[in-house]
Amino acid sequence: MAEDLSRYLDTAIEAARAAERVINRYYRGDFEVERKADASPVTIADVECERVIKQVLAEAFPEHGFYGEELGRESIDAEYVWLIDPIDGTKSFVRGYPFFSTQIALMRAGEPNNELIVGVSNAPAFGNGEMAWAARGEGAFLNGEPIQVSSVDTIGQTSLSMGNIGALGASKAWPKIGELVGDVHRIRGYGDFYHYHLLATGALDAVIESDLNILDIAALTVIVREAGGDMTELGGGPIGLESRTALATNGRLRSQLGPYFVDWDEARHAPRG
């Protein structure tokens, strides 16, 4: 691995572990829950996690910018920008079930597209803890072991997971999605970090999701791609700062799944917050 990418990845893992220590202090404890303007929940744990993540990253890379779920944007025009969702799945965290994670990604600015180059996805309360990570060109790993997408190459054999199904159902694309549901082998709805981890390890073959924020999927995009898969918006556009949807596959299924979403209008769908 190139020296800089190795340093970026190691520091991102260190930052995720620092956030994990904060999470462990609060999870299933007594804390207040506030509501953002969009009615989504936020807790002291979210804010403290983001602060410790930024502290670790800023000490190592003071020239880098930040775009965080809770603390907003800082030096966003820097060459390198860290994308941080300290607790992706705060609703799960608040209710005391383990489908939440810390998402940390590094984006290198440039034309024609910003480039995601490092991703760390840590779910400390899930099972015995589940951390996935990847750096561009160096493969993906889950709890230290290399991971790879499946070899499934037909719709009829595909295991598909869908996230934010209510929003998908309210879209004009729902009839085509209904066709897809009937065509695949199996449907699941794991959501959040988990179905992307399953895709990257070969346990699922495709994921579709709407009403996202880039902070939810930036790190997972790196991980899925480095495991041999691909990830775009539902309509086929590249993942970027304004992305609101995701179509992730094992790569072999891209040409077969893409036509189901060819008329998807990304602009109609707002982020979930």
Protein backbone atom coordinates (compact mmCIF):
# COMPACT_ATOMS: atom_id res chain seq x y z
CA MET A 1 0.00 0.00 0.00
CA ALA A 2 1.22 3.49 -0.80
CA GLU A 3 2.64 5.16 2.30
CA ASP A 4 0.06 7.97 2.45
CA LEU A 5 -2.93 5.66 2.01
CA SER A 6 -1.60 3.39 4.73
CA ARG A 7 -1.26 6.31 7.11
CA TYR A 8 -4.73 7.61 6.24
CA LEU A 9 -6.29 4.20 6.80
CA ASP A 10 -4.46 3.51 10.07
CA THR A 11 -5.51 6.89 11.44
CA ALA A 12 -9.13 6.37 10.37
CA ILE A 13 -9.16 3.04 12.21
CA GLU A 14 -7.67 4.73 15.26
CA ALA A 15 -10.40 7.39 15.10
CA ALA A 16 -13.12 4.73 14.80
CA ARG A 17 -11.75 2.97 17.89
CA ALA A 18 -11.77 6.27 19.79
CA ALA A 19 -15.44 6.72 18.86
CA GLU A 20 -16.11 3.13 19.92
CA ARG A 21 -14.95 3.95 23.44
CA VAL A 22 -17.42 6.82 23.58
CA ILE A 23 -20.21 4.62 22.25
CA ASN A 24 -19.50 1.97 24.87
CA ARG A 25 -19.94 4.54 27.64
CA TYR A 26 -23.42 5.53 26.48
CA TYR A 27 -24.97 2.53 24.73
CA ARG A 28 -28.04 1.26 26.59
CA GLY A 29 -27.41 3.91 29.22
CA ASP A 30 -29.39 6.94 30.35
CA PHE A 31 -29.01 9.92 28.02
CA GLU A 32 -31.23 12.62 26.56
CA VAL A 33 -32.40 12.48 22.97
CA GLU A 34 -32.90 15.70 21.04
CA ARG A 35 -34.50 16.22 17.63
CA LYS A 36 -32.94 17.92 14.64
CA ALA A 37 -34.89 20.17 12.31
CA ASP A 38 -35.79 17.12 10.19
CA ALA A 39 -37.05 15.28 13.33
CA SER A 40 -34.21 12.75 13.27
CA PRO A 41 -32.69 12.02 16.71
CA VAL A 42 -29.32 13.17 18.00
CA THR A 43 -27.64 12.36 21.32
CA ILE A 44 -24.62 13.50 23.29
CA ALA A 45 -22.93 10.30 22.09
CA ASP A 46 -23.24 11.39 18.44
CA VAL A 47 -21.61 14.74 19.17
CA GLU A 48 -18.85 13.37 21.41
CA CYS A 49 -18.02 10.64 18.88
CA GLU A 50 -17.63 13.15 16.10
CA ARG A 51 -15.44 15.38 18.27
CA VAL A 52 -13.03 12.58 19.15
CA ILE A 53 -12.92 11.41 15.52
CA LYS A 54 -12.07 14.92 14.35
CA GLN A 55 -9.47 15.29 17.09
CA VAL A 56 -7.63 12.12 16.04
CA LEU A 57 -7.77 13.00 12.35
CA ALA A 58 -6.92 16.70 12.75
CA GLU A 59 -3.88 15.96 14.91
CA ALA A 60 -2.52 13.69 12.19
CA PHE A 61 -3.64 15.79 9.19
CA PRO A 62 -4.14 19.44 10.19
CA GLU A 63 -4.40 20.52 6.56
CA HIS A 64 -7.42 18.28 5.84
CA GLY A 65 -11.07 19.36 5.72
CA PHE A 66 -14.10 17.79 7.42
CA TYR A 67 -17.73 17.14 6.61
CA GLY A 68 -19.50 15.68 9.64
CA GLU A 69 -23.06 14.70 10.40
CA GLU A 70 -23.19 16.68 13.65
CA LEU A 71 -20.48 19.36 13.48
CA GLY A 72 -20.89 20.32 9.83
CA ARG A 73 -18.28 21.40 7.30
CA GLU A 74 -14.81 22.77 7.94
CA SER A 75 -12.20 23.59 5.26
CA ILE A 76 -14.41 21.77 2.79
CA ASP A 77 -12.35 23.13 -0.12
CA ALA A 78 -9.20 21.32 1.09
CA GLU A 79 -7.57 18.74 -1.18
CA TYR A 80 -8.50 15.98 1.26
CA VAL A 81 -11.82 15.96 3.13
CA TRP A 82 -12.92 13.48 5.80
CA LEU A 83 -16.58 12.42 5.67
CA ILE A 84 -17.83 11.42 9.11
CA ASP A 85 -21.06 9.92 10.40
CA PRO A 86 -20.24 9.23 14.07
CA ILE A 87 -23.31 7.06 14.70
CA ASP A 88 -25.08 6.05 11.51
CA GLY A 89 -28.28 4.51 12.84
CA THR A 90 -28.93 6.76 15.83
CA LYS A 91 -32.52 5.49 16.01
CA SER A 92 -31.17 1.99 16.59
CA PHE A 93 -28.64 3.29 19.12
CA VAL A 94 -31.41 5.08 21.04
CA ARG A 95 -33.67 2.01 21.05
CA GLY A 96 -30.83 -0.23 22.23
CA TYR A 97 -30.37 -2.58 19.30
CA PRO A 98 -27.04 -2.96 17.54
CA PHE A 99 -27.74 -1.89 13.93
CA PHE A 100 -25.64 1.25 14.05
CA SER A 101 -22.08 2.06 13.06
CA THR A 102 -19.38 4.69 12.79
CA GLN A 103 -18.63 5.67 9.20
CA ILE A 104 -15.35 7.42 8.27
CA ALA A 105 -14.23 8.03 4.68
CA LEU A 106 -11.54 10.12 3.01
CA MET A 107 -12.30 11.96 -0.22
CA ARG A 108 -9.62 13.43 -2.46
CA ALA A 109 -10.99 16.44 -4.31
CA GLY A 110 -10.50 16.63 -8.05
CA GLU A 111 -12.14 16.80 -11.44
CA PRO A 112 -14.19 15.39 -12.99
CA ASN A 113 -15.24 13.59 -9.78
CA ASN A 114 -14.26 13.67 -6.16
CA GLU A 115 -12.50 10.39 -5.37
CA LEU A 116 -13.22 8.24 -2.32
CA ILE A 117 -9.95 6.58 -1.31
CA VAL A 118 -10.30 5.26 2.28
CA GLY A 119 -13.26 3.84 4.19
CA VAL A 120 -13.82 2.48 7.69
CA SER A 121 -17.16 1.09 8.90
CA ASN A 122 -17.25 0.06 12.57
CA ALA A 123 -20.24 -1.55 14.31
CA PRO A 124 -18.98 -2.07 17.86
CA ALA A 125 -22.21 -3.42 19.37
CA PHE A 126 -23.03 -5.85 16.57
CA GLY A 127 -22.17 -9.40 17.63
CA ASN A 128 -18.64 -9.33 18.99
CA GLY A 129 -17.93 -6.16 17.05
CA GLU A 130 -17.63 -5.80 13.28
CA MET A 131 -15.18 -3.45 11.58
CA ALA A 132 -14.70 -3.31 7.83
CA TRP A 133 -12.09 -1.16 6.11
CA ALA A 134 -10.50 -0.56 2.74
CA ALA A 135 -8.09 1.72 0.90
CA ARG A 136 -8.21 2.24 -2.85
CA GLY A 137 -6.37 -0.46 -4.76
CA GLU A 138 -5.60 -2.57 -1.70
CA GLY A 139 -8.66 -4.77 -1.16
CA ALA A 140 -11.21 -4.84 1.63
CA PHE A 141 -11.11 -6.43 5.08
CA LEU A 142 -13.54 -7.41 7.81
CA ASN A 143 -12.10 -7.86 11.30
CA GLY A 144 -8.68 -8.23 9.72
CA GLU A 145 -9.62 -10.88 7.16
CA PRO A 146 -9.78 -10.16 3.39
CA ILE A 147 -13.28 -10.16 1.93
CA GLN A 148 -14.67 -10.55 -1.58
CA VAL A 149 -18.07 -10.27 -3.25
CA SER A 150 -19.99 -13.26 -4.57
CA SER A 151 -19.76 -14.84 -8.01
CA VAL A 152 -23.54 -14.88 -8.60
CA ASP A 153 -24.21 -13.70 -12.15
CA THR A 154 -27.95 -14.15 -12.79
CA ILE A 155 -30.99 -12.31 -11.44
CA GLY A 156 -32.69 -15.61 -10.59
CA GLN A 157 -29.89 -16.50 -8.16
CA THR A 158 -29.62 -13.05 -6.61
CA SER A 159 -30.10 -12.30 -2.92
CA LEU A 160 -31.16 -8.65 -2.74
CA SER A 161 -31.46 -6.39 0.30
CA MET A 162 -33.50 -3.17 0.22
CA GLY A 163 -33.19 -0.19 2.56
CA ASN A 164 -35.67 2.61 3.27
CA ILE A 165 -38.39 0.58 1.59
CA GLY A 166 -41.10 3.14 2.39
CA ALA A 167 -39.36 5.75 0.26
CA LEU A 168 -38.79 3.26 -2.54
CA GLY A 169 -42.46 2.33 -2.42
CA ALA A 170 -43.51 5.96 -2.72
CA SER A 171 -41.44 6.51 -5.86
CA LYS A 172 -42.55 6.23 -9.47
CA ALA A 173 -39.97 3.48 -9.84
CA TRP A 174 -41.86 1.16 -7.47
CA PRO A 175 -43.57 -0.88 -10.24
CA LYS A 176 -40.17 -1.75 -11.73
CA ILE A 177 -38.81 -2.51 -8.27
CA GLY A 178 -41.83 -4.78 -7.79
CA GLU A 179 -40.82 -6.64 -10.94
CA LEU A 180 -37.30 -7.00 -9.58
CA VAL A 181 -38.63 -8.40 -6.30
CA GLY A 182 -40.40 -11.10 -8.27
CA ASP A 183 -37.36 -11.86 -10.39
CA VAL A 184 -34.67 -12.35 -7.73
CA HIS A 185 -34.10 -15.45 -5.64
CA ARG A 186 -34.43 -13.86 -2.20
CA ILE A 187 -35.38 -10.50 -0.67
CA ARG A 188 -34.08 -9.15 2.62
CA GLY A 189 -34.10 -5.74 4.32
CA TYR A 190 -31.06 -5.56 6.54
CA GLY A 191 -30.43 -1.82 6.22
CA ASP A 192 -27.74 0.60 7.39
CA PHE A 193 -24.15 -0.71 7.39
CA TYR A 194 -25.07 -4.37 7.59
CA HIS A 195 -26.28 -5.19 4.11
CA TYR A 196 -23.19 -3.54 2.60
CA HIS A 197 -20.94 -5.64 4.87
CA LEU A 198 -22.88 -8.72 3.73
CA LEU A 199 -22.48 -7.72 0.08
CA ALA A 200 -18.75 -7.16 0.49
CA THR A 201 -18.33 -10.60 2.09
CA GLY A 202 -20.35 -12.42 -0.59
CA ALA A 203 -23.38 -13.23 1.58
CA LEU A 204 -25.61 -10.89 -0.47
CA ASP A 205 -25.39 -10.04 -4.15
CA ALA A 206 -27.04 -6.60 -4.43
CA VAL A 207 -28.37 -3.71 -2.32
CA ILE A 208 -30.77 -0.93 -3.29
CA GLU A 209 -31.49 2.02 -1.04
CA SER A 210 -33.12 5.45 -1.16
CA ASP A 211 -33.19 8.56 1.08
CA LEU A 212 -29.49 8.39 1.90
CA ASN A 213 -26.86 10.98 2.73
CA ILE A 214 -23.32 10.64 1.35
CA LEU A 215 -22.06 10.33 4.94
CA ASP A 216 -24.08 7.10 5.27
CA ILE A 217 -22.39 5.37 2.34
CA ALA A 218 -19.03 7.00 1.55
CA ALA A 219 -16.94 4.52 3.55
CA LEU A 220 -19.14 1.61 2.47
CA THR A 221 -18.64 2.59 -1.18
CA VAL A 222 -14.88 2.18 -0.81
CA ILE A 223 -15.30 -1.14 0.97
CA VAL A 224 -17.75 -2.61 -1.56
CA ARG A 225 -15.59 -1.52 -4.51
CA GLU A 226 -12.40 -2.88 -2.99
CA ALA A 227 -14.16 -6.20 -2.31
CA GLY A 228 -14.76 -6.45 -6.07
CA GLY A 229 -18.23 -4.93 -6.29
CA ASP A 230 -19.56 -1.66 -7.62
CA MET A 231 -21.71 1.16 -6.29
CA THR A 232 -23.59 3.97 -8.03
CA GLU A 233 -26.75 5.97 -7.56
CA LEU A 234 -29.92 4.06 -8.48
CA GLY A 235 -30.08 5.85 -11.82
CA GLY A 236 -26.47 4.88 -12.56
CA GLY A 237 -24.81 8.19 -11.70
CA PRO A 238 -21.55 8.26 -9.72
CA ILE A 239 -21.56 8.39 -5.93
CA GLY A 240 -20.81 11.96 -4.84
CA LEU A 241 -21.49 14.57 -2.18
CA GLU A 242 -25.09 15.03 -3.33
CA SER A 243 -25.97 11.33 -3.73
CA ARG A 244 -29.28 10.29 -2.18
CA THR A 245 -29.62 6.69 -3.38
CA ALA A 246 -27.44 3.64 -3.93
CA LEU A 247 -27.35 0.59 -6.16
CA ALA A 248 -24.57 -1.72 -5.00
CA THR A 249 -23.82 -5.04 -6.68
CA ASN A 250 -21.16 -7.71 -6.88
CA GLY A 251 -20.23 -6.23 -10.27
CA ARG A 252 -21.41 -9.22 -12.26
CA LEU A 253 -25.05 -8.17 -11.86
CA ARG A 254 -24.68 -4.51 -12.82
CA SER A 255 -25.81 -4.86 -16.43
CA GLN A 256 -28.86 -6.90 -15.40
CA LEU A 257 -30.00 -4.70 -12.50
CA GLY A 258 -29.34 -1.33 -14.09
CA PRO A 259 -32.34 -1.40 -16.47
CA TYR A 260 -34.77 -1.63 -13.55
CA PHE A 261 -33.70 1.89 -12.49
CA VAL A 262 -32.95 3.59 -15.79
CA ASP A 263 -35.76 6.14 -15.27
CA TRP A 264 -34.97 6.88 -11.63
CA ASP A 265 -34.98 10.63 -10.91
CA GLU A 266 -32.36 11.33 -8.23
CA ALA A 267 -33.49 14.93 -7.78
CA ARG A 268 -36.87 13.90 -6.39
CA HIS A 269 -35.45 12.24 -3.30
CA ALA A 270 -34.23 14.08 -0.23
CA PRO A 271 -31.69 12.68 2.28
CA ARG A 272 -32.95 10.94 5.40
CA GLY A 273 -30.69 13.04 7.70
